Amino acid sequence: METQHSTMKFQVLFLLLLLTCMYPSVAQGSYENCCLKYASAKKTIRRHVTSYRVQETDGGCNIPAVVLTLKKTRLICVDPRLPWVKKFIQKMSEKNTV
């Protein structure tokens, strides 16, 4: 009877250890906030932008992107290689340094 009890304790401890080890890998994927594709936004959208952030391809994100935050907290992902996006980022960076 004692060996069954010890075996059951070991199994429960092993299961808890396994779940503890798995938790960070599962949690990491759920916190990613990546652009999966680009929106076809026109450059006239610039006047509605309140902020932006640059998404790099490191980590869990697969494409480089610029995430524009519009009024009413709407997010749009645009291609950072577009000429108007490059100019916009440069202008915003100059504005922030002054």
PDB file of N, CA and C in Angstrom:
ATOM      1  N   MET A   1       0.822  -1.190   0.000  1.00  0.00           N
ATOM      2  CA  MET A   1       0.000   0.000   0.000  1.00  0.00           C
ATOM      3  C   MET A   1       0.866   1.254   0.000  1.00  0.00           C
ATOM      4  N   GLU A   2       1.952   1.214   0.752  1.00  0.00           N
ATOM      5  CA  GLU A   2       2.847   2.356   0.858  1.00  0.00           C
ATOM      6  C   GLU A   2       3.522   2.659  -0.489  1.00  0.00           C
ATOM      7  N   THR A   3       3.867   1.628  -1.266  1.00  0.00           N
ATOM      8  CA  THR A   3       4.518   1.854  -2.552  1.00  0.00           C
ATOM      9  C   THR A   3       3.569   2.499  -3.555  1.00  0.00           C
ATOM     10  N   GLN A   4       2.285   2.140  -3.504  1.00  0.00           N
ATOM     11  CA  GLN A   4       1.314   2.774  -4.400  1.00  0.00           C
ATOM     12  C   GLN A   4       1.192   4.264  -4.082  1.00  0.00           C
ATOM     13  N   HIS A   5       1.177   4.570  -2.813  1.00  0.00           N
ATOM     14  CA  HIS A   5       1.058   5.964  -2.381  1.00  0.00           C
ATOM     15  C   HIS A   5       2.293   6.769  -2.822  1.00  0.00           C
ATOM     16  N   SER A   6       3.463   6.169  -2.677  1.00  0.00           N
ATOM     17  CA  SER A   6       4.708   6.832  -3.088  1.00  0.00           C
ATOM     18  C   SER A   6       4.753   7.012  -4.602  1.00  0.00           C
ATOM     19  N   THR A   7       4.306   6.008  -5.325  1.00  0.00           N
ATOM     20  CA  THR A   7       4.276   6.089  -6.781  1.00  0.00           C
ATOM     21  C   THR A   7       3.321   7.189  -7.239  1.00  0.00           C
ATOM     22  N   MET A   8       2.195   7.288  -6.608  1.00  0.00           N
ATOM     23  CA  MET A   8       1.224   8.314  -6.972  1.00  0.00           C
ATOM     24  C   MET A   8       1.773   9.708  -6.671  1.00  0.00           C
ATOM     25  N   LYS A   9       2.459   9.893  -5.554  1.00  0.00           N
ATOM     26  CA  LYS A   9       3.077  11.172  -5.226  1.00  0.00           C
ATOM     27  C   LYS A   9       4.109  11.549  -6.289  1.00  0.00           C
ATOM     28  N   PHE A  10       4.915  10.567  -6.666  1.00  0.00           N
ATOM     29  CA  PHE A  10       5.930  10.811  -7.689  1.00  0.00           C
ATOM     30  C   PHE A  10       5.289  11.231  -9.013  1.00  0.00           C
ATOM     31  N   GLN A  11       4.219  10.575  -9.417  1.00  0.00           N
ATOM     32  CA  GLN A  11       3.544  10.904 -10.669  1.00  0.00           C
ATOM     33  C   GLN A  11       2.962  12.316 -10.631  1.00  0.00           C
ATOM     34  N   VAL A  12       2.364  12.686  -9.517  1.00  0.00           N
ATOM     35  CA  VAL A  12       1.799  14.031  -9.379  1.00  0.00           C
ATOM     36  C   VAL A  12       2.910  15.076  -9.432  1.00  0.00           C
ATOM     37  N   LEU A  13       4.005  14.837  -8.733  1.00  0.00           N
ATOM     38  CA  LEU A  13       5.126  15.765  -8.762  1.00  0.00           C
ATOM     39  C   LEU A  13       5.727  15.883 -10.158  1.00  0.00           C
ATOM     40  N   PHE A  14       5.853  14.764 -10.832  1.00  0.00           N
ATOM     41  CA  PHE A  14       6.387  14.765 -12.187  1.00  0.00           C
ATOM     42  C   PHE A  14       5.480  15.566 -13.119  1.00  0.00           C
ATOM     43  N   LEU A  15       4.170  15.389 -13.002  1.00  0.00           N
ATOM     44  CA  LEU A  15       3.217  16.125 -13.825  1.00  0.00           C
ATOM     45  C   LEU A  15       3.307  17.629 -13.551  1.00  0.00           C
ATOM     46  N   LEU A  16       3.407  18.013 -12.298  1.00  0.00           N
ATOM     47  CA  LEU A  16       3.538  19.430 -11.956  1.00  0.00           C
ATOM     48  C   LEU A  16       4.829  20.027 -12.501  1.00  0.00           C
ATOM     49  N   LEU A  17       5.907  19.269 -12.412  1.00  0.00           N
ATOM     50  CA  LEU A  17       7.179  19.727 -12.958  1.00  0.00           C
ATOM     51  C   LEU A  17       7.094  19.893 -14.476  1.00  0.00           C
ATOM     52  N   LEU A  18       6.485  18.951 -15.129  1.00  0.00           N
ATOM     53  CA  LEU A  18       6.331  19.021 -16.572  1.00  0.00           C
ATOM     54  C   LEU A  18       5.496  20.232 -16.979  1.00  0.00           C
ATOM     55  N   LEU A  19       4.387  20.473 -16.306  1.00  0.00           N
ATOM     56  CA  LEU A  19       3.538  21.627 -16.610  1.00  0.00           C
ATOM     57  C   LEU A  19       4.265  22.943 -16.343  1.00  0.00           C
ATOM     58  N   THR A  20       5.058  22.984 -15.287  1.00  0.00           N
ATOM     59  CA  THR A  20       5.829  24.181 -14.970  1.00  0.00           C
ATOM     60  C   THR A  20       6.850  24.488 -16.055  1.00  0.00           C
ATOM     61  N   CYS A  21       7.465  23.462 -16.588  1.00  0.00           N
ATOM     62  CA  CYS A  21       8.451  23.649 -17.659  1.00  0.00           C
ATOM     63  C   CYS A  21       7.789  24.069 -18.974  1.00  0.00           C
ATOM     64  N   MET A  22       6.595  23.600 -19.216  1.00  0.00           N
ATOM     65  CA  MET A  22       5.907  23.908 -20.467  1.00  0.00           C
ATOM     66  C   MET A  22       5.278  25.294 -20.463  1.00  0.00           C
ATOM     67  N   TYR A  23       4.925  25.827 -19.314  1.00  0.00           N
ATOM     68  CA  TYR A  23       4.200  27.090 -19.232  1.00  0.00           C
ATOM     69  C   TYR A  23       4.895  28.260 -19.945  1.00  0.00           C
ATOM     70  N   PRO A  24       6.203  28.502 -19.756  1.00  0.00           N
ATOM     71  CA  PRO A  24       6.819  29.656 -20.444  1.00  0.00           C
ATOM     72  C   PRO A  24       6.746  29.571 -21.962  1.00  0.00           C
ATOM     73  N   SER A  25       6.891  28.391 -22.530  1.00  0.00           N
ATOM     74  CA  SER A  25       6.837  28.279 -23.987  1.00  0.00           C
ATOM     75  C   SER A  25       5.431  28.502 -24.513  1.00  0.00           C
ATOM     76  N   VAL A  26       4.426  28.102 -23.790  1.00  0.00           N
ATOM     77  CA  VAL A  26       3.046  28.327 -24.204  1.00  0.00           C
ATOM     78  C   VAL A  26       2.674  29.791 -24.017  1.00  0.00           C
ATOM     79  N   ALA A  27       3.074  30.380 -22.913  1.00  0.00           N
ATOM     80  CA  ALA A  27       2.738  31.774 -22.619  1.00  0.00           C
ATOM     81  C   ALA A  27       3.425  32.725 -23.585  1.00  0.00           C
ATOM     82  N   GLN A  28       4.626  32.413 -24.015  1.00  0.00           N
ATOM     83  CA  GLN A  28       5.359  33.295 -24.911  1.00  0.00           C
ATOM     84  C   GLN A  28       4.616  33.492 -26.221  1.00  0.00           C
ATOM     85  N   GLY A  29       4.085  32.440 -26.787  1.00  0.00           N
ATOM     86  CA  GLY A  29       3.374  32.549 -28.048  1.00  0.00           C
ATOM     87  C   GLY A  29       2.086  33.333 -27.943  1.00  0.00           C
ATOM     88  N   SER A  30       1.468  33.342 -26.784  1.00  0.00           N
ATOM     89  CA  SER A  30       0.193  34.026 -26.644  1.00  0.00           C
ATOM     90  C   SER A  30       0.348  35.531 -26.489  1.00  0.00           C
ATOM     91  N   TYR A  31       1.557  36.020 -26.184  1.00  0.00           N
ATOM     92  CA  TYR A  31       1.747  37.451 -25.989  1.00  0.00           C
ATOM     93  C   TYR A  31       2.276  38.156 -27.229  1.00  0.00           C
ATOM     94  N   GLU A  32       2.574  37.443 -28.277  1.00  0.00           N
ATOM     95  CA  GLU A  32       3.067  38.067 -29.486  1.00  0.00           C
ATOM     96  C   GLU A  32       1.967  38.906 -30.123  1.00  0.00           C
ATOM     97  N   ASN A  33       2.324  40.079 -30.586  1.00  0.00           N
ATOM     98  CA  ASN A  33       1.386  40.974 -31.247  1.00  0.00           C
ATOM     99  C   ASN A  33       2.042  41.386 -32.552  1.00  0.00           C
ATOM    100  N   CYS A  34       1.940  40.535 -33.559  1.00  0.00           N
ATOM    101  CA  CYS A  34       2.657  40.735 -34.808  1.00  0.00           C
ATOM    102  C   CYS A  34       1.720  41.016 -35.966  1.00  0.00           C
ATOM    103  N   CYS A  35       2.245  41.772 -36.922  1.00  0.00           N
ATOM    104  CA  CYS A  35       1.550  41.953 -38.199  1.00  0.00           C
ATOM    105  C   CYS A  35       1.810  40.715 -39.044  1.00  0.00           C
ATOM    106  N   LEU A  36       0.768  40.192 -39.629  1.00  0.00           N
ATOM    107  CA  LEU A  36       0.910  39.020 -40.485  1.00  0.00           C
ATOM    108  C   LEU A  36       0.907  39.387 -41.960  1.00  0.00           C
ATOM    109  N   LYS A  37       0.345  40.558 -42.275  1.00  0.00           N
ATOM    110  CA  LYS A  37       0.335  41.042 -43.656  1.00  0.00           C
ATOM    111  C   LYS A  37       0.201  42.556 -43.635  1.00  0.00           C
ATOM    112  N   TYR A  38       0.424  43.170 -44.792  1.00  0.00           N
ATOM    113  CA  TYR A  38       0.353  44.619 -44.910  1.00  0.00           C
ATOM    114  C   TYR A  38      -1.036  45.058 -45.359  1.00  0.00           C
ATOM    115  N   ALA A  39      -1.477  46.178 -44.825  1.00  0.00           N
ATOM    116  CA  ALA A  39      -2.731  46.778 -45.288  1.00  0.00           C
ATOM    117  C   ALA A  39      -2.409  47.649 -46.497  1.00  0.00           C
ATOM    118  N   SER A  40      -3.364  47.780 -47.379  1.00  0.00           N
ATOM    119  CA  SER A  40      -3.160  48.651 -48.543  1.00  0.00           C
ATOM    120  C   SER A  40      -3.666  50.054 -48.190  1.00  0.00           C
ATOM    121  N   ALA A  41      -2.879  50.735 -47.346  1.00  0.00           N
ATOM    122  CA  ALA A  41      -3.249  52.075 -46.889  1.00  0.00           C
ATOM    123  C   ALA A  41      -2.634  53.121 -47.809  1.00  0.00           C
ATOM    124  N   LYS A  42      -3.391  54.177 -48.054  1.00  0.00           N
ATOM    125  CA  LYS A  42      -2.886  55.281 -48.865  1.00  0.00           C
ATOM    126  C   LYS A  42      -2.146  56.259 -47.968  1.00  0.00           C
ATOM    127  N   LYS A  43      -1.281  57.047 -48.580  1.00  0.00           N
ATOM    128  CA  LYS A  43      -0.480  57.955 -47.761  1.00  0.00           C
ATOM    129  C   LYS A  43      -1.309  59.063 -47.129  1.00  0.00           C
ATOM    130  N   THR A  44      -2.538  59.258 -47.571  1.00  0.00           N
ATOM    131  CA  THR A  44      -3.397  60.265 -46.939  1.00  0.00           C
ATOM    132  C   THR A  44      -3.802  59.857 -45.525  1.00  0.00           C
ATOM    133  N   ILE A  45      -3.543  58.628 -45.160  1.00  0.00           N
ATOM    134  CA  ILE A  45      -3.865  58.139 -43.819  1.00  0.00           C
ATOM    135  C   ILE A  45      -2.956  58.779 -42.763  1.00  0.00           C
ATOM    136  N   ARG A  46      -1.850  59.362 -43.210  1.00  0.00           N
ATOM    137  CA  ARG A  46      -0.866  59.935 -42.280  1.00  0.00           C
ATOM    138  C   ARG A  46      -1.472  60.948 -41.328  1.00  0.00           C
ATOM    139  N   ARG A  47      -2.451  61.702 -41.766  1.00  0.00           N
ATOM    140  CA  ARG A  47      -3.022  62.747 -40.902  1.00  0.00           C
ATOM    141  C   ARG A  47      -3.848  62.166 -39.748  1.00  0.00           C
ATOM    142  N   HIS A  48      -4.172  60.888 -39.813  1.00  0.00           N
ATOM    143  CA  HIS A  48      -4.938  60.229 -38.755  1.00  0.00           C
ATOM    144  C   HIS A  48      -4.063  59.456 -37.777  1.00  0.00           C
ATOM    145  N   VAL A  49      -2.765  59.435 -38.018  1.00  0.00           N
ATOM    146  CA  VAL A  49      -1.846  58.651 -37.187  1.00  0.00           C
ATOM    147  C   VAL A  49      -1.529  59.404 -35.899  1.00  0.00           C
ATOM    148  N   THR A  50      -1.669  58.713 -34.774  1.00  0.00           N
ATOM    149  CA  THR A  50      -1.316  59.304 -33.484  1.00  0.00           C
ATOM    150  C   THR A  50       0.044  58.814 -32.997  1.00  0.00           C
ATOM    151  N   SER A  51       0.442  57.607 -33.380  1.00  0.00           N
ATOM    152  CA  SER A  51       1.758  57.076 -33.033  1.00  0.00           C
ATOM    153  C   SER A  51       2.083  55.912 -33.958  1.00  0.00           C
ATOM    154  N   TYR A  52       3.305  55.422 -33.831  1.00  0.00           N
ATOM    155  CA  TYR A  52       3.722  54.267 -34.633  1.00  0.00           C
ATOM    156  C   TYR A  52       4.777  53.490 -33.860  1.00  0.00           C
ATOM    157  N   ARG A  53       4.969  52.250 -34.298  1.00  0.00           N
ATOM    158  CA  ARG A  53       6.077  51.439 -33.798  1.00  0.00           C
ATOM    159  C   ARG A  53       6.596  50.595 -34.952  1.00  0.00           C
ATOM    160  N   VAL A  54       7.863  50.246 -34.872  1.00  0.00           N
ATOM    161  CA  VAL A  54       8.498  49.443 -35.919  1.00  0.00           C
ATOM    162  C   VAL A  54       8.555  48.001 -35.439  1.00  0.00           C
ATOM    163  N   GLN A  55       8.064  47.100 -36.277  1.00  0.00           N
ATOM    164  CA  GLN A  55       8.112  45.667 -35.982  1.00  0.00           C
ATOM    165  C   GLN A  55       9.298  45.061 -36.714  1.00  0.00           C
ATOM    166  N   GLU A  56      10.195  44.473 -35.959  1.00  0.00           N
ATOM    167  CA  GLU A  56      11.355  43.790 -36.544  1.00  0.00           C
ATOM    168  C   GLU A  56      11.004  42.320 -36.767  1.00  0.00           C
ATOM    169  N   THR A  57      11.850  41.635 -37.521  1.00  0.00           N
ATOM    170  CA  THR A  57      11.590  40.223 -37.810  1.00  0.00           C
ATOM    171  C   THR A  57      12.188  39.290 -36.774  1.00  0.00           C
ATOM    172  N   ASP A  58      12.704  39.819 -35.680  1.00  0.00           N
ATOM    173  CA  ASP A  58      13.237  38.942 -34.639  1.00  0.00           C
ATOM    174  C   ASP A  58      12.092  38.441 -33.753  1.00  0.00           C
ATOM    175  N   GLY A  59      12.357  37.408 -33.018  1.00  0.00           N
ATOM    176  CA  GLY A  59      11.311  36.857 -32.152  1.00  0.00           C
ATOM    177  C   GLY A  59      10.283  36.075 -32.953  1.00  0.00           C
ATOM    178  N   GLY A  60       9.013  36.284 -32.651  1.00  0.00           N
ATOM    179  CA  GLY A  60       7.951  35.536 -33.307  1.00  0.00           C
ATOM    180  C   GLY A  60       7.354  36.218 -34.509  1.00  0.00           C
ATOM    181  N   CYS A  61       7.821  37.413 -34.864  1.00  0.00           N
ATOM    182  CA  CYS A  61       7.247  38.153 -35.987  1.00  0.00           C
ATOM    183  C   CYS A  61       7.989  37.816 -37.276  1.00  0.00           C
ATOM    184  N   ASN A  62       7.243  37.505 -38.327  1.00  0.00           N
ATOM    185  CA  ASN A  62       7.853  37.014 -39.568  1.00  0.00           C
ATOM    186  C   ASN A  62       8.129  38.086 -40.607  1.00  0.00           C
ATOM    187  N   ILE A  63       7.443  39.227 -40.555  1.00  0.00           N
ATOM    188  CA  ILE A  63       7.652  40.254 -41.566  1.00  0.00           C
ATOM    189  C   ILE A  63       8.016  41.576 -40.894  1.00  0.00           C
ATOM    190  N   PRO A  64       8.882  42.370 -41.550  1.00  0.00           N
ATOM    191  CA  PRO A  64       9.129  43.712 -41.027  1.00  0.00           C
ATOM    192  C   PRO A  64       7.911  44.572 -41.343  1.00  0.00           C
ATOM    193  N   ALA A  65       7.543  45.424 -40.416  1.00  0.00           N
ATOM    194  CA  ALA A  65       6.365  46.262 -40.635  1.00  0.00           C
ATOM    195  C   ALA A  65       6.445  47.510 -39.780  1.00  0.00           C
ATOM    196  N   VAL A  66       5.654  48.500 -40.175  1.00  0.00           N
ATOM    197  CA  VAL A  66       5.439  49.676 -39.352  1.00  0.00           C
ATOM    198  C   VAL A  66       3.978  49.615 -38.937  1.00  0.00           C
ATOM    199  N   VAL A  67       3.748  49.626 -37.631  1.00  0.00           N
ATOM    200  CA  VAL A  67       2.395  49.547 -37.093  1.00  0.00           C
ATOM    201  C   VAL A  67       1.949  50.963 -36.751  1.00  0.00           C
ATOM    202  N   LEU A  68       0.970  51.445 -37.501  1.00  0.00           N
ATOM    203  CA  LEU A  68       0.454  52.790 -37.281  1.00  0.00           C
ATOM    204  C   LEU A  68      -0.749  52.725 -36.360  1.00  0.00           C
ATOM    205  N   THR A  69      -0.751  53.565 -35.340  1.00  0.00           N
ATOM    206  CA  THR A  69      -1.903  53.679 -34.452  1.00  0.00           C
ATOM    207  C   THR A  69      -2.686  54.906 -34.889  1.00  0.00           C
ATOM    208  N   LEU A  70      -3.917  54.689 -35.275  1.00  0.00           N
ATOM    209  CA  LEU A  70      -4.767  55.775 -35.745  1.00  0.00           C
ATOM    210  C   LEU A  70      -5.637  56.289 -34.611  1.00  0.00           C
ATOM    211  N   LYS A  71      -6.310  57.377 -34.870  1.00  0.00           N
ATOM    212  CA  LYS A  71      -7.283  57.873 -33.903  1.00  0.00           C
ATOM    213  C   LYS A  71      -8.293  56.764 -33.661  1.00  0.00           C
ATOM    214  N   LYS A  72      -8.862  56.723 -32.511  1.00  0.00           N
ATOM    215  CA  LYS A  72      -9.770  55.660 -32.069  1.00  0.00           C
ATOM    216  C   LYS A  72      -9.034  54.336 -31.888  1.00  0.00           C
ATOM    217  N   THR A  73      -7.726  54.395 -31.679  1.00  0.00           N
ATOM    218  CA  THR A  73      -6.840  53.250 -31.389  1.00  0.00           C
ATOM    219  C   THR A  73      -6.935  52.103 -32.393  1.00  0.00           C
ATOM    220  N   ARG A  74      -7.129  52.404 -33.623  1.00  0.00           N
ATOM    221  CA  ARG A  74      -7.115  51.390 -34.677  1.00  0.00           C
ATOM    222  C   ARG A  74      -5.679  51.192 -35.139  1.00  0.00           C
ATOM    223  N   LEU A  75      -5.280  49.949 -35.354  1.00  0.00           N
ATOM    224  CA  LEU A  75      -3.917  49.633 -35.780  1.00  0.00           C
ATOM    225  C   LEU A  75      -3.909  49.190 -37.234  1.00  0.00           C
ATOM    226  N   ILE A  76      -2.912  49.689 -37.977  1.00  0.00           N
ATOM    227  CA  ILE A  76      -2.739  49.293 -39.375  1.00  0.00           C
ATOM    228  C   ILE A  76      -1.270  48.969 -39.598  1.00  0.00           C
ATOM    229  N   CYS A  77      -1.017  47.860 -40.259  1.00  0.00           N
ATOM    230  CA  CYS A  77       0.348  47.445 -40.579  1.00  0.00           C
ATOM    231  C   CYS A  77       0.670  47.842 -42.011  1.00  0.00           C
ATOM    232  N   VAL A  78       1.786  48.552 -42.182  1.00  0.00           N
ATOM    233  CA  VAL A  78       2.194  48.967 -43.519  1.00  0.00           C
ATOM    234  C   VAL A  78       3.621  48.507 -43.790  1.00  0.00           C
ATOM    235  N   ASP A  79       3.933  48.427 -45.073  1.00  0.00           N
ATOM    236  CA  ASP A  79       5.252  47.984 -45.516  1.00  0.00           C
ATOM    237  C   ASP A  79       6.274  49.098 -45.267  1.00  0.00           C
ATOM    238  N   PRO A  80       7.328  48.832 -44.510  1.00  0.00           N
ATOM    239  CA  PRO A  80       8.319  49.873 -44.217  1.00  0.00           C
ATOM    240  C   PRO A  80       9.171  50.266 -45.419  1.00  0.00           C
ATOM    241  N   ARG A  81       9.085  49.516 -46.501  1.00  0.00           N
ATOM    242  CA  ARG A  81       9.878  49.834 -47.698  1.00  0.00           C
ATOM    243  C   ARG A  81       9.185  50.829 -48.615  1.00  0.00           C
ATOM    244  N   LEU A  82       7.913  51.137 -48.346  1.00  0.00           N
ATOM    245  CA  LEU A  82       7.204  52.109 -49.174  1.00  0.00           C
ATOM    246  C   LEU A  82       7.806  53.502 -48.972  1.00  0.00           C
ATOM    247  N   PRO A  83       7.970  54.253 -50.057  1.00  0.00           N
ATOM    248  CA  PRO A  83       8.591  55.585 -49.931  1.00  0.00           C
ATOM    249  C   PRO A  83       7.862  56.515 -48.952  1.00  0.00           C
ATOM    250  N   TRP A  84       6.546  56.540 -48.980  1.00  0.00           N
ATOM    251  CA  TRP A  84       5.823  57.456 -48.091  1.00  0.00           C
ATOM    252  C   TRP A  84       5.950  57.043 -46.632  1.00  0.00           C
ATOM    253  N   VAL A  85       6.117  55.751 -46.376  1.00  0.00           N
ATOM    254  CA  VAL A  85       6.295  55.275 -45.007  1.00  0.00           C
ATOM    255  C   VAL A  85       7.680  55.683 -44.499  1.00  0.00           C
ATOM    256  N   LYS A  86       8.689  55.559 -45.350  1.00  0.00           N
ATOM    257  CA  LYS A  86      10.044  55.981 -44.967  1.00  0.00           C
ATOM    258  C   LYS A  86      10.071  57.468 -44.636  1.00  0.00           C
ATOM    259  N   LYS A  87       9.430  58.276 -45.483  1.00  0.00           N
ATOM    260  CA  LYS A  87       9.393  59.724 -45.242  1.00  0.00           C
ATOM    261  C   LYS A  87       8.629  60.042 -43.962  1.00  0.00           C
ATOM    262  N   PHE A  88       7.551  59.329 -43.732  1.00  0.00           N
ATOM    263  CA  PHE A  88       6.740  59.556 -42.541  1.00  0.00           C
ATOM    264  C   PHE A  88       7.539  59.267 -41.278  1.00  0.00           C
ATOM    265  N   ILE A  89       8.236  58.146 -41.246  1.00  0.00           N
ATOM    266  CA  ILE A  89       9.044  57.786 -40.079  1.00  0.00           C
ATOM    267  C   ILE A  89      10.155  58.800 -39.859  1.00  0.00           C
ATOM    268  N   GLN A  90      10.787  59.220 -40.945  1.00  0.00           N
ATOM    269  CA  GLN A  90      11.851  60.210 -40.829  1.00  0.00           C
ATOM    270  C   GLN A  90      11.300  61.519 -40.258  1.00  0.00           C
ATOM    271  N   LYS A  91      10.152  61.943 -40.746  1.00  0.00           N
ATOM    272  CA  LYS A  91       9.533  63.177 -40.265  1.00  0.00           C
ATOM    273  C   LYS A  91       9.148  63.073 -38.792  1.00  0.00           C
ATOM    274  N   MET A  92       8.575  61.932 -38.403  1.00  0.00           N
ATOM    275  CA  MET A  92       8.186  61.730 -37.000  1.00  0.00           C
ATOM    276  C   MET A  92       9.419  61.670 -36.093  1.00  0.00           C
ATOM    277  N   SER A  93      10.490  61.060 -36.551  1.00  0.00           N
ATOM    278  CA  SER A  93      11.718  60.981 -35.767  1.00  0.00           C
ATOM    279  C   SER A  93      12.323  62.367 -35.570  1.00  0.00           C
ATOM    280  N   GLU A  94      12.306  63.184 -36.622  1.00  0.00           N
ATOM    281  CA  GLU A  94      12.822  64.557 -36.516  1.00  0.00           C
ATOM    282  C   GLU A  94      11.966  65.372 -35.554  1.00  0.00           C
ATOM    283  N   LYS A  95      10.661  65.158 -35.590  1.00  0.00           N
ATOM    284  CA  LYS A  95       9.755  65.883 -34.718  1.00  0.00           C
ATOM    285  C   LYS A  95       9.990  65.524 -33.255  1.00  0.00           C
ATOM    286  N   ASN A  96      10.304  64.257 -32.998  1.00  0.00           N
ATOM    287  CA  ASN A  96      10.534  63.794 -31.629  1.00  0.00           C
ATOM    288  C   ASN A  96      11.872  64.241 -31.064  1.00  0.00           C
ATOM    289  N   THR A  97      12.866  64.493 -31.923  1.00  0.00           N
ATOM    290  CA  THR A  97      14.178  64.912 -31.451  1.00  0.00           C
ATOM    291  C   THR A  97      14.265  66.412 -31.222  1.00  0.00           C
ATOM    292  N   VAL A  98      13.359  67.156 -31.781  1.00  0.00           N
ATOM    293  CA  VAL A  98      13.373  68.628 -31.626  1.00  0.00           C
ATOM    294  C   VAL A  98      12.697  69.045 -30.371  1.00  0.00           C
TER     295      VAL A  98
END
